[in-house]
């Protein structure tokens, strides 16, 4: 699977992943003590959704209208009691900052409320960073890293590393803060990606047993995803759940009809927010019959 993210930014998979990431960050922030947010495959930080329709040489059908575009009716209040509204409010904030638009200003391009600039995981996390929190962003592809440095190179409490993210797990854990959230979100360009993730998780949990690890994965082949989750269960080193979203049933012609995020050592009771959120997202983002959203424990909490 060759997942060139700038063509897919803001799609249903991004919405699911980023709405969940916001809840993990806020869950860790229930405690005053700071933590490290480590993004192993940071990408370029943020995306111009207008570019998604241009492609490299030919026009292409953008995916964001069926993703973040479906959340246009969310009130954007940012209330933590409504996780989807809170996530949508952060996306709008990033879009306004990227445009240089005042908080209550109209869309400078379309005159409406459409999102043009969409935050990647690093930019989204930066919006929630407290003075006591810290980010380390890793990206090994030179062009992506250059774009990441352009976007976040001057941000406070943020360090950028042009390196392999799996190596970063060995190099940066355990952190001085003793608390961490590690996001592993690879492009899945290699067949052995799941094996690399499993190895990295095992090493990461050994180094930082209390750290929270979140792994995004595509649902292109159900058997491969299930085998990966079985590996996590077999490890048994930490409580873990899988939150998944499908936008269509198994008979759908969509190449990627869903995605999931496996979370090890989740913040206390965050599953109670994420499970209903995933079900709501399934209703908002459906592209056919048979889609669903939910959460299941892989290794239950004791």
C-alpha atoms as a PDB file:
ATOM      1  CA  UNK A   1       0.000   0.000   0.000  1.00  0.00           C
ATOM      2  CA  UNK A   2       1.524   3.330  -1.059  1.00  0.00           C
ATOM      3  CA  UNK A   3      -0.180   5.920   1.120  1.00  0.00           C
ATOM      4  CA  UNK A   4       0.846   9.387  -0.128  1.00  0.00           C
ATOM      5  CA  UNK A   5      -0.769  11.341   2.608  1.00  0.00           C
ATOM      6  CA  UNK A   6      -1.012  14.741   0.995  1.00  0.00           C
ATOM      7  CA  UNK A   7      -3.598  13.278  -1.393  1.00  0.00           C
ATOM      8  CA  UNK A   8      -5.627  11.793   1.461  1.00  0.00           C
ATOM      9  CA  UNK A   9      -5.420  14.542   4.088  1.00  0.00           C
ATOM     10  CA  UNK A  10      -8.673  15.214   5.887  1.00  0.00           C
ATOM     11  CA  UNK A  11     -10.302  11.971   4.742  1.00  0.00           C
ATOM     12  CA  UNK A  12     -12.348   9.693   7.008  1.00  0.00           C
ATOM     13  CA  UNK A  13      -9.213   7.940   8.277  1.00  0.00           C
ATOM     14  CA  UNK A  14      -7.671  11.237   9.337  1.00  0.00           C
ATOM     15  CA  UNK A  15     -10.862  12.266  11.079  1.00  0.00           C
ATOM     16  CA  UNK A  16     -11.001   9.015  13.072  1.00  0.00           C
ATOM     17  CA  UNK A  17      -7.303   9.066  13.947  1.00  0.00           C
ATOM     18  CA  UNK A  18      -7.147  12.723  14.907  1.00  0.00           C
ATOM     19  CA  UNK A  19     -10.391  12.819  16.876  1.00  0.00           C
ATOM     20  CA  UNK A  20      -9.050   9.883  18.881  1.00  0.00           C
ATOM     21  CA  UNK A  21      -5.609  11.500  19.286  1.00  0.00           C
ATOM     22  CA  UNK A  22      -7.241  14.586  20.796  1.00  0.00           C
ATOM     23  CA  UNK A  23      -8.926  12.393  23.413  1.00  0.00           C
ATOM     24  CA  UNK A  24      -5.651  10.651  24.286  1.00  0.00           C
ATOM     25  CA  UNK A  25      -3.891  13.983  24.729  1.00  0.00           C
ATOM     26  CA  UNK A  26      -6.690  15.392  26.842  1.00  0.00           C
ATOM     27  CA  UNK A  27      -6.792  12.183  28.843  1.00  0.00           C
ATOM     28  CA  UNK A  28      -3.111  12.522  29.742  1.00  0.00           C
ATOM     29  CA  UNK A  29      -3.626  16.190  30.543  1.00  0.00           C
ATOM     30  CA  UNK A  30      -6.040  15.328  33.341  1.00  0.00           C
ATOM     31  CA  UNK A  31      -2.854  15.094  35.393  1.00  0.00           C
ATOM     32  CA  UNK A  32      -0.823  18.243  35.941  1.00  0.00           C
ATOM     33  CA  UNK A  33       2.551  16.603  35.317  1.00  0.00           C
ATOM     34  CA  UNK A  34       3.887  17.108  31.805  1.00  0.00           C
ATOM     35  CA  UNK A  35       4.626  14.422  29.235  1.00  0.00           C
ATOM     36  CA  UNK A  36       6.427  13.791  25.968  1.00  0.00           C
ATOM     37  CA  UNK A  37       4.408  13.486  22.777  1.00  0.00           C
ATOM     38  CA  UNK A  38       6.527  11.478  20.324  1.00  0.00           C
ATOM     39  CA  UNK A  39       5.320  11.274  16.718  1.00  0.00           C
ATOM     40  CA  UNK A  40       7.356   8.623  14.881  1.00  0.00           C
ATOM     41  CA  UNK A  41       6.084   9.403  11.366  1.00  0.00           C
ATOM     42  CA  UNK A  42       5.216  13.076  11.608  1.00  0.00           C
ATOM     43  CA  UNK A  43       4.845  13.931   7.920  1.00  0.00           C
ATOM     44  CA  UNK A  44       4.856  17.586   6.920  1.00  0.00           C
ATOM     45  CA  UNK A  45       2.699  18.906   9.760  1.00  0.00           C
ATOM     46  CA  UNK A  46      -0.243  20.360   7.835  1.00  0.00           C
ATOM     47  CA  UNK A  47      -1.882  20.144   4.416  1.00  0.00           C
ATOM     48  CA  UNK A  48      -3.481  22.403   1.821  1.00  0.00           C
ATOM     49  CA  UNK A  49      -6.641  20.536   0.880  1.00  0.00           C
ATOM     50  CA  UNK A  50      -6.879  22.395  -2.430  1.00  0.00           C
ATOM     51  CA  UNK A  51      -3.673  20.629  -3.485  1.00  0.00           C
ATOM     52  CA  UNK A  52      -5.272  17.219  -2.919  1.00  0.00           C
ATOM     53  CA  UNK A  53      -7.408  17.715  -6.031  1.00  0.00           C
ATOM     54  CA  UNK A  54      -4.458  18.573  -8.271  1.00  0.00           C
ATOM     55  CA  UNK A  55      -2.404  15.400  -7.962  1.00  0.00           C
ATOM     56  CA  UNK A  56       1.117  15.257  -9.384  1.00  0.00           C
ATOM     57  CA  UNK A  57       0.106  15.792 -12.994  1.00  0.00           C
ATOM     58  CA  UNK A  58      -3.632  15.116 -13.307  1.00  0.00           C
ATOM     59  CA  UNK A  59      -6.722  16.255 -11.431  1.00  0.00           C
ATOM     60  CA  UNK A  60      -7.968  13.735  -8.906  1.00  0.00           C
ATOM     61  CA  UNK A  61     -11.022  13.302  -6.727  1.00  0.00           C
ATOM     62  CA  UNK A  62     -10.264  14.765  -3.283  1.00  0.00           C
ATOM     63  CA  UNK A  63     -11.150  12.663  -0.260  1.00  0.00           C
ATOM     64  CA  UNK A  64     -11.627  15.382   2.359  1.00  0.00           C
ATOM     65  CA  UNK A  65     -15.259  16.212   1.398  1.00  0.00           C
ATOM     66  CA  UNK A  66     -16.225  12.724   2.669  1.00  0.00           C
ATOM     67  CA  UNK A  67     -14.085  13.253   5.782  1.00  0.00           C
ATOM     68  CA  UNK A  68     -13.645  16.590   7.513  1.00  0.00           C
ATOM     69  CA  UNK A  69     -16.185  18.031   5.060  1.00  0.00           C
ATOM     70  CA  UNK A  70     -18.897  15.943   6.693  1.00  0.00           C
ATOM     71  CA  UNK A  71     -18.279  17.702  10.011  1.00  0.00           C
ATOM     72  CA  UNK A  72     -19.208  21.165   8.725  1.00  0.00           C
ATOM     73  CA  UNK A  73     -22.394  21.126  10.786  1.00  0.00           C
ATOM     74  CA  UNK A  74     -20.595  20.493  14.087  1.00  0.00           C
ATOM     75  CA  UNK A  75     -21.029  23.534  16.282  1.00  0.00           C
ATOM     76  CA  UNK A  76     -17.284  23.902  16.790  1.00  0.00           C
ATOM     77  CA  UNK A  77     -17.716  24.896  20.434  1.00  0.00           C
ATOM     78  CA  UNK A  78     -14.698  22.852  21.418  1.00  0.00           C
ATOM     79  CA  UNK A  79     -16.440  21.510  24.510  1.00  0.00           C
ATOM     80  CA  UNK A  80     -14.594  18.511  25.916  1.00  0.00           C
ATOM     81  CA  UNK A  81     -17.970  16.909  26.634  1.00  0.00           C
ATOM     82  CA  UNK A  82     -18.472  16.646  22.855  1.00  0.00           C
ATOM     83  CA  UNK A  83     -15.284  15.084  21.439  1.00  0.00           C
ATOM     84  CA  UNK A  84     -16.252  15.513  17.779  1.00  0.00           C
ATOM     85  CA  UNK A  85     -17.110  19.168  18.256  1.00  0.00           C
ATOM     86  CA  UNK A  86     -13.862  19.668  20.163  1.00  0.00           C
ATOM     87  CA  UNK A  87     -11.814  18.087  17.392  1.00  0.00           C
ATOM     88  CA  UNK A  88     -13.626  20.120  14.719  1.00  0.00           C
ATOM     89  CA  UNK A  89     -12.930  23.313  16.664  1.00  0.00           C
ATOM     90  CA  UNK A  90      -9.191  22.553  16.663  1.00  0.00           C
ATOM     91  CA  UNK A  91      -9.234  21.937  12.904  1.00  0.00           C
ATOM     92  CA  UNK A  92     -10.970  25.273  12.364  1.00  0.00           C
ATOM     93  CA  UNK A  93      -8.448  27.000  14.604  1.00  0.00           C
ATOM     94  CA  UNK A  94      -5.554  25.581  12.579  1.00  0.00           C
ATOM     95  CA  UNK A  95      -7.255  26.614   9.346  1.00  0.00           C
ATOM     96  CA  UNK A  96      -7.738  30.179  10.606  1.00  0.00           C
ATOM     97  CA  UNK A  97      -4.126  30.433  11.733  1.00  0.00           C
ATOM     98  CA  UNK A  98      -2.851  29.094   8.396  1.00  0.00           C
ATOM     99  CA  UNK A  99      -4.958  31.628   6.492  1.00  0.00           C
ATOM    100  CA  UNK A 100      -4.193  34.470   8.861  1.00  0.00           C
ATOM    101  CA  UNK A 101      -7.937  34.889   9.407  1.00  0.00           C
ATOM    102  CA  UNK A 102      -9.292  36.467  12.625  1.00  0.00           C
ATOM    103  CA  UNK A 103     -11.087  33.967  14.926  1.00  0.00           C
ATOM    104  CA  UNK A 104     -14.522  35.158  13.820  1.00  0.00           C
ATOM    105  CA  UNK A 105     -13.553  35.918  10.237  1.00  0.00           C
ATOM    106  CA  UNK A 106     -15.174  34.383   7.157  1.00  0.00           C
ATOM    107  CA  UNK A 107     -13.390  31.962   4.884  1.00  0.00           C
ATOM    108  CA  UNK A 108     -11.079  34.204   2.873  1.00  0.00           C
ATOM    109  CA  UNK A 109     -11.140  31.898  -0.150  1.00  0.00           C
ATOM    110  CA  UNK A 110     -14.711  30.693  -0.449  1.00  0.00           C
ATOM    111  CA  UNK A 111     -16.578  33.186   1.716  1.00  0.00           C
ATOM    112  CA  UNK A 112     -18.047  30.331   3.730  1.00  0.00           C
ATOM    113  CA  UNK A 113     -16.942  27.879   6.394  1.00  0.00           C
ATOM    114  CA  UNK A 114     -15.037  25.351   4.253  1.00  0.00           C
ATOM    115  CA  UNK A 115     -11.735  24.065   5.617  1.00  0.00           C
ATOM    116  CA  UNK A 116      -8.767  24.658   3.326  1.00  0.00           C
ATOM    117  CA  UNK A 117      -5.798  23.939   5.608  1.00  0.00           C
ATOM    118  CA  UNK A 118      -5.928  20.706   7.578  1.00  0.00           C
ATOM    119  CA  UNK A 119      -3.609  19.861  10.506  1.00  0.00           C
ATOM    120  CA  UNK A 120      -1.540  16.723  10.574  1.00  0.00           C
ATOM    121  CA  UNK A 121      -0.991  15.032  13.918  1.00  0.00           C
ATOM    122  CA  UNK A 122       1.940  17.289  14.924  1.00  0.00           C
ATOM    123  CA  UNK A 123       0.031  20.507  14.277  1.00  0.00           C
ATOM    124  CA  UNK A 124      -3.038  19.180  16.060  1.00  0.00           C
ATOM    125  CA  UNK A 125      -0.989  18.174  19.106  1.00  0.00           C
ATOM    126  CA  UNK A 126       0.738  21.570  19.152  1.00  0.00           C
ATOM    127  CA  UNK A 127      -2.625  23.272  19.604  1.00  0.00           C
ATOM    128  CA  UNK A 128      -3.142  21.294  22.832  1.00  0.00           C
ATOM    129  CA  UNK A 129       0.406  21.489  24.187  1.00  0.00           C
ATOM    130  CA  UNK A 130       0.715  22.933  27.704  1.00  0.00           C
ATOM    131  CA  UNK A 131       3.838  24.702  29.013  1.00  0.00           C
ATOM    132  CA  UNK A 132       4.868  21.522  30.858  1.00  0.00           C
ATOM    133  CA  UNK A 133       4.400  19.241  27.809  1.00  0.00           C
ATOM    134  CA  UNK A 134       6.961  18.582  25.078  1.00  0.00           C
ATOM    135  CA  UNK A 135       6.859  17.261  21.489  1.00  0.00           C
ATOM    136  CA  UNK A 136       9.455  15.303  19.511  1.00  0.00           C
ATOM    137  CA  UNK A 137       8.599  14.917  15.827  1.00  0.00           C
ATOM    138  CA  UNK A 138      10.398  12.414  13.601  1.00  0.00           C
ATOM    139  CA  UNK A 139      10.346  12.213   9.809  1.00  0.00           C
ATOM    140  CA  UNK A 140      12.974  10.489   7.670  1.00  0.00           C
ATOM    141  CA  UNK A 141      11.910  11.630   4.179  1.00  0.00           C
ATOM    142  CA  UNK A 142      13.885  14.788   3.331  1.00  0.00           C
ATOM    143  CA  UNK A 143      11.123  16.662   1.496  1.00  0.00           C
ATOM    144  CA  UNK A 144       8.558  15.924   4.197  1.00  0.00           C
ATOM    145  CA  UNK A 145      11.022  16.888   6.908  1.00  0.00           C
ATOM    146  CA  UNK A 146      11.796  20.184   5.169  1.00  0.00           C
ATOM    147  CA  UNK A 147       8.076  21.001   5.075  1.00  0.00           C
ATOM    148  CA  UNK A 148       7.721  19.982   8.733  1.00  0.00           C
ATOM    149  CA  UNK A 149      10.607  22.263   9.695  1.00  0.00           C
ATOM    150  CA  UNK A 150       9.015  25.117   7.773  1.00  0.00           C
ATOM    151  CA  UNK A 151       5.747  24.677   9.670  1.00  0.00           C
ATOM    152  CA  UNK A 152       6.932  23.861  13.192  1.00  0.00           C
ATOM    153  CA  UNK A 153      10.643  24.589  13.298  1.00  0.00           C
ATOM    154  CA  UNK A 154      10.143  27.719  15.405  1.00  0.00           C
ATOM    155  CA  UNK A 155       7.502  26.294  17.739  1.00  0.00           C
ATOM    156  CA  UNK A 156       8.344  26.262  21.428  1.00  0.00           C
ATOM    157  CA  UNK A 157       8.783  22.953  23.278  1.00  0.00           C
ATOM    158  CA  UNK A 158       9.013  21.150  19.910  1.00  0.00           C
ATOM    159  CA  UNK A 159      12.093  19.281  18.633  1.00  0.00           C
ATOM    160  CA  UNK A 160      12.386  17.985  15.065  1.00  0.00           C
ATOM    161  CA  UNK A 161      14.416  14.927  14.105  1.00  0.00           C
ATOM    162  CA  UNK A 162      15.192  13.760  10.568  1.00  0.00           C
ATOM    163  CA  UNK A 163      15.393  10.099  11.449  1.00  0.00           C
ATOM    164  CA  UNK A 164      13.601   6.772  11.348  1.00  0.00           C
ATOM    165  CA  UNK A 165      10.745   6.844  13.845  1.00  0.00           C
ATOM    166  CA  UNK A 166      11.262   3.286  15.020  1.00  0.00           C
ATOM    167  CA  UNK A 167      14.827   4.206  15.974  1.00  0.00           C
ATOM    168  CA  UNK A 168      13.442   7.191  17.869  1.00  0.00           C
ATOM    169  CA  UNK A 169      11.456   4.896  20.156  1.00  0.00           C
ATOM    170  CA  UNK A 170      14.723   3.311  21.273  1.00  0.00           C
ATOM    171  CA  UNK A 171      16.543   6.640  21.486  1.00  0.00           C
ATOM    172  CA  UNK A 172      13.924   8.782  23.251  1.00  0.00           C
ATOM    173  CA  UNK A 173      12.269   6.453  25.727  1.00  0.00           C
ATOM    174  CA  UNK A 174      12.006   6.652  28.657  1.00  0.00           C
ATOM    175  CA  UNK A 175      11.662  10.442  28.641  1.00  0.00           C
ATOM    176  CA  UNK A 176      12.772  12.708  31.508  1.00  0.00           C
ATOM    177  CA  UNK A 177       9.096  13.494  32.165  1.00  0.00           C
ATOM    178  CA  UNK A 178       8.446   9.778  32.915  1.00  0.00           C
ATOM    179  CA  UNK A 179       5.181  10.091  30.945  1.00  0.00           C
ATOM    180  CA  UNK A 180       4.736   9.768  27.196  1.00  0.00           C
ATOM    181  CA  UNK A 181       2.268   9.399  24.362  1.00  0.00           C
ATOM    182  CA  UNK A 182       3.821   7.753  21.305  1.00  0.00           C
ATOM    183  CA  UNK A 183       1.945   7.919  17.999  1.00  0.00           C
ATOM    184  CA  UNK A 184       3.045   5.361  15.400  1.00  0.00           C
ATOM    185  CA  UNK A 185       1.431   6.254  12.089  1.00  0.00           C
ATOM    186  CA  UNK A 186       3.524   4.805   9.244  1.00  0.00           C
ATOM    187  CA  UNK A 187       2.645   5.014   5.527  1.00  0.00           C
ATOM    188  CA  UNK A 188       2.374   1.200   5.197  1.00  0.00           C
ATOM    189  CA  UNK A 189       4.475   1.191   2.044  1.00  0.00           C
ATOM    190  CA  UNK A 190       6.235  -2.036   3.025  1.00  0.00           C
ATOM    191  CA  UNK A 191       4.720  -5.485   3.531  1.00  0.00           C
ATOM    192  CA  UNK A 192       6.614  -5.974   6.785  1.00  0.00           C
ATOM    193  CA  UNK A 193       5.305  -2.760   8.371  1.00  0.00           C
ATOM    194  CA  UNK A 194       3.160  -4.589  10.933  1.00  0.00           C
ATOM    195  CA  UNK A 195       6.182  -6.653  11.979  1.00  0.00           C
ATOM    196  CA  UNK A 196       8.270  -3.510  12.458  1.00  0.00           C
ATOM    197  CA  UNK A 197       5.514  -1.956  14.548  1.00  0.00           C
ATOM    198  CA  UNK A 198       5.186  -5.050  16.734  1.00  0.00           C
ATOM    199  CA  UNK A 199       8.927  -5.091  17.370  1.00  0.00           C
ATOM    200  CA  UNK A 200       8.967  -1.355  18.131  1.00  0.00           C
ATOM    201  CA  UNK A 201       6.037  -1.679  20.533  1.00  0.00           C
ATOM    202  CA  UNK A 202       7.700  -4.503  22.435  1.00  0.00           C
ATOM    203  CA  UNK A 203      10.876  -2.469  22.836  1.00  0.00           C
ATOM    204  CA  UNK A 204       8.976   0.681  23.717  1.00  0.00           C
ATOM    205  CA  UNK A 205       6.944  -0.980  26.450  1.00  0.00           C
ATOM    206  CA  UNK A 206      10.130  -2.484  27.919  1.00  0.00           C
ATOM    207  CA  UNK A 207      11.775   0.949  28.017  1.00  0.00           C
ATOM    208  CA  UNK A 208       8.731   2.893  29.214  1.00  0.00           C
ATOM    209  CA  UNK A 209       6.201   0.469  30.738  1.00  0.00           C
ATOM    210  CA  UNK A 210       3.756   3.228  31.654  1.00  0.00           C
ATOM    211  CA  UNK A 211       3.826   5.118  28.358  1.00  0.00           C
ATOM    212  CA  UNK A 212       0.758   5.289  26.123  1.00  0.00           C
ATOM    213  CA  UNK A 213       1.276   3.960  22.584  1.00  0.00           C
ATOM    214  CA  UNK A 214      -1.196   4.579  19.759  1.00  0.00           C
ATOM    215  CA  UNK A 215      -0.830   2.797  16.408  1.00  0.00           C
ATOM    216  CA  UNK A 216      -2.880   3.714  13.341  1.00  0.00           C
ATOM    217  CA  UNK A 217      -3.519   0.903  10.833  1.00  0.00           C
ATOM    218  CA  UNK A 218      -5.551   0.578   7.620  1.00  0.00           C
ATOM    219  CA  UNK A 219      -8.302  -1.971   7.160  1.00  0.00           C
ATOM    220  CA  UNK A 220      -7.377  -3.079   3.671  1.00  0.00           C
ATOM    221  CA  UNK A 221      -6.875  -6.729   4.622  1.00  0.00           C
ATOM    222  CA  UNK A 222      -8.817  -7.759   7.699  1.00  0.00           C
ATOM    223  CA  UNK A 223      -6.666 -10.822   8.294  1.00  0.00           C
ATOM    224  CA  UNK A 224      -3.445  -8.792   8.513  1.00  0.00           C
ATOM    225  CA  UNK A 225      -4.973  -6.321  10.970  1.00  0.00           C
ATOM    226  CA  UNK A 226      -6.350  -9.157  13.114  1.00  0.00           C
ATOM    227  CA  UNK A 227      -2.968 -10.894  13.149  1.00  0.00           C
ATOM    228  CA  UNK A 228      -1.354  -7.652  14.300  1.00  0.00           C
ATOM    229  CA  UNK A 229      -3.879  -7.235  17.118  1.00  0.00           C
ATOM    230  CA  UNK A 230      -3.372 -10.874  18.097  1.00  0.00           C
ATOM    231  CA  UNK A 231       0.366 -10.147  18.424  1.00  0.00           C
ATOM    232  CA  UNK A 232      -0.406  -7.309  20.812  1.00  0.00           C
ATOM    233  CA  UNK A 233      -2.679  -9.578  22.846  1.00  0.00           C
ATOM    234  CA  UNK A 234      -0.056 -12.322  22.931  1.00  0.00           C
ATOM    235  CA  UNK A 235       2.496  -9.856  24.273  1.00  0.00           C
ATOM    236  CA  UNK A 236       0.207  -9.076  27.187  1.00  0.00           C
ATOM    237  CA  UNK A 237       2.600  -6.455  28.527  1.00  0.00           C
ATOM    238  CA  UNK A 238       0.031  -3.658  28.783  1.00  0.00           C
ATOM    239  CA  UNK A 239      -3.738  -3.134  28.707  1.00  0.00           C
ATOM    240  CA  UNK A 240      -4.786  -2.359  25.140  1.00  0.00           C
ATOM    241  CA  UNK A 241      -7.852  -1.683  23.035  1.00  0.00           C
ATOM    242  CA  UNK A 242      -8.572  -1.277  19.326  1.00  0.00           C
ATOM    243  CA  UNK A 243     -10.882   1.513  18.178  1.00  0.00           C
ATOM    244  CA  UNK A 244     -12.050   0.948  14.603  1.00  0.00           C
ATOM    245  CA  UNK A 245     -14.139   2.708  11.991  1.00  0.00           C
ATOM    246  CA  UNK A 246     -15.465   1.309   8.720  1.00  0.00           C
ATOM    247  CA  UNK A 247     -17.358   3.507   6.281  1.00  0.00           C
ATOM    248  CA  UNK A 248     -18.773   0.632   4.221  1.00  0.00           C
ATOM    249  CA  UNK A 249     -19.290  -3.120   4.439  1.00  0.00           C
ATOM    250  CA  UNK A 250     -17.022  -5.919   3.246  1.00  0.00           C
ATOM    251  CA  UNK A 251     -18.631  -5.961  -0.203  1.00  0.00           C
ATOM    252  CA  UNK A 252     -17.671  -2.340  -0.848  1.00  0.00           C
ATOM    253  CA  UNK A 253     -15.335  -1.622  -3.800  1.00  0.00           C
ATOM    254  CA  UNK A 254     -13.415   0.887  -1.656  1.00  0.00           C
ATOM    255  CA  UNK A 255      -9.758  -0.023  -1.464  1.00  0.00           C
ATOM    256  CA  UNK A 256      -9.590   1.150   2.132  1.00  0.00           C
ATOM    257  CA  UNK A 257     -12.986   0.889   3.741  1.00  0.00           C
ATOM    258  CA  UNK A 258     -11.841   1.481   7.277  1.00  0.00           C
ATOM    259  CA  UNK A 259      -9.041   2.017   9.739  1.00  0.00           C
ATOM    260  CA  UNK A 260      -8.212   1.469  13.362  1.00  0.00           C
ATOM    261  CA  UNK A 261      -6.058   2.722  16.192  1.00  0.00           C
ATOM    262  CA  UNK A 262      -4.594   0.277  18.709  1.00  0.00           C
ATOM    263  CA  UNK A 263      -3.904   1.941  22.051  1.00  0.00           C
ATOM    264  CA  UNK A 264      -1.652   0.438  24.724  1.00  0.00           C
ATOM    265  CA  UNK A 265      -1.793   1.844  28.268  1.00  0.00           C
ATOM    266  CA  UNK A 266      -4.699   4.191  27.484  1.00  0.00           C
ATOM    267  CA  UNK A 267      -5.460   7.055  29.872  1.00  0.00           C
ATOM    268  CA  UNK A 268      -7.943   6.128  32.580  1.00  0.00           C
ATOM    269  CA  UNK A 269     -11.514   5.710  31.290  1.00  0.00           C
ATOM    270  CA  UNK A 270     -10.765   7.291  27.894  1.00  0.00           C
ATOM    271  CA  UNK A 271     -12.491   4.300  26.303  1.00  0.00           C
ATOM    272  CA  UNK A 272     -15.808   5.572  27.683  1.00  0.00           C
ATOM    273  CA  UNK A 273     -15.470   8.644  25.465  1.00  0.00           C
ATOM    274  CA  UNK A 274     -13.890   7.010  22.426  1.00  0.00           C
ATOM    275  CA  UNK A 275     -16.349   4.117  22.005  1.00  0.00           C
ATOM    276  CA  UNK A 276     -19.455   6.294  21.478  1.00  0.00           C
ATOM    277  CA  UNK A 277     -17.397   8.782  19.473  1.00  0.00           C
ATOM    278  CA  UNK A 278     -16.440   6.059  16.988  1.00  0.00           C
ATOM    279  CA  UNK A 279     -20.069   5.034  16.615  1.00  0.00           C
ATOM    280  CA  UNK A 280     -21.078   8.639  15.915  1.00  0.00           C
ATOM    281  CA  UNK A 281     -18.292   9.011  13.373  1.00  0.00           C
ATOM    282  CA  UNK A 282     -19.484   5.880  11.573  1.00  0.00           C
ATOM    283  CA  UNK A 283     -22.890   7.500  11.099  1.00  0.00           C
ATOM    284  CA  UNK A 284     -21.387  10.825   9.990  1.00  0.00           C
ATOM    285  CA  UNK A 285     -18.817   9.395   7.595  1.00  0.00           C
ATOM    286  CA  UNK A 286     -20.644   6.411   6.031  1.00  0.00           C
ATOM    287  CA  UNK A 287     -19.953   5.882   2.320  1.00  0.00           C
ATOM    288  CA  UNK A 288     -22.106   2.788   1.924  1.00  0.00           C
ATOM    289  CA  UNK A 289     -24.083   0.160   3.783  1.00  0.00           C
ATOM    290  CA  UNK A 290     -22.448  -1.909   6.472  1.00  0.00           C
ATOM    291  CA  UNK A 291     -20.109   0.631   8.034  1.00  0.00           C
ATOM    292  CA  UNK A 292     -19.600   0.629  11.797  1.00  0.00           C
ATOM    293  CA  UNK A 293     -17.568   2.129  14.579  1.00  0.00           C
ATOM    294  CA  UNK A 294     -16.640   0.835  17.978  1.00  0.00           C
ATOM    295  CA  UNK A 295     -13.996  -0.206  20.484  1.00  0.00           C
ATOM    296  CA  UNK A 296     -12.945  -3.574  21.837  1.00  0.00           C
ATOM    297  CA  UNK A 297     -10.385  -4.461  24.421  1.00  0.00           C
ATOM    298  CA  UNK A 298      -7.474  -6.569  23.184  1.00  0.00           C
ATOM    299  CA  UNK A 299      -5.860  -6.941  26.598  1.00  0.00           C
ATOM    300  CA  UNK A 300      -8.340  -5.877  29.308  1.00  0.00           C
ATOM    301  CA  UNK A 301      -7.375  -3.617  32.165  1.00  0.00           C
ATOM    302  CA  UNK A 302      -6.883  -5.425  35.454  1.00  0.00           C
END
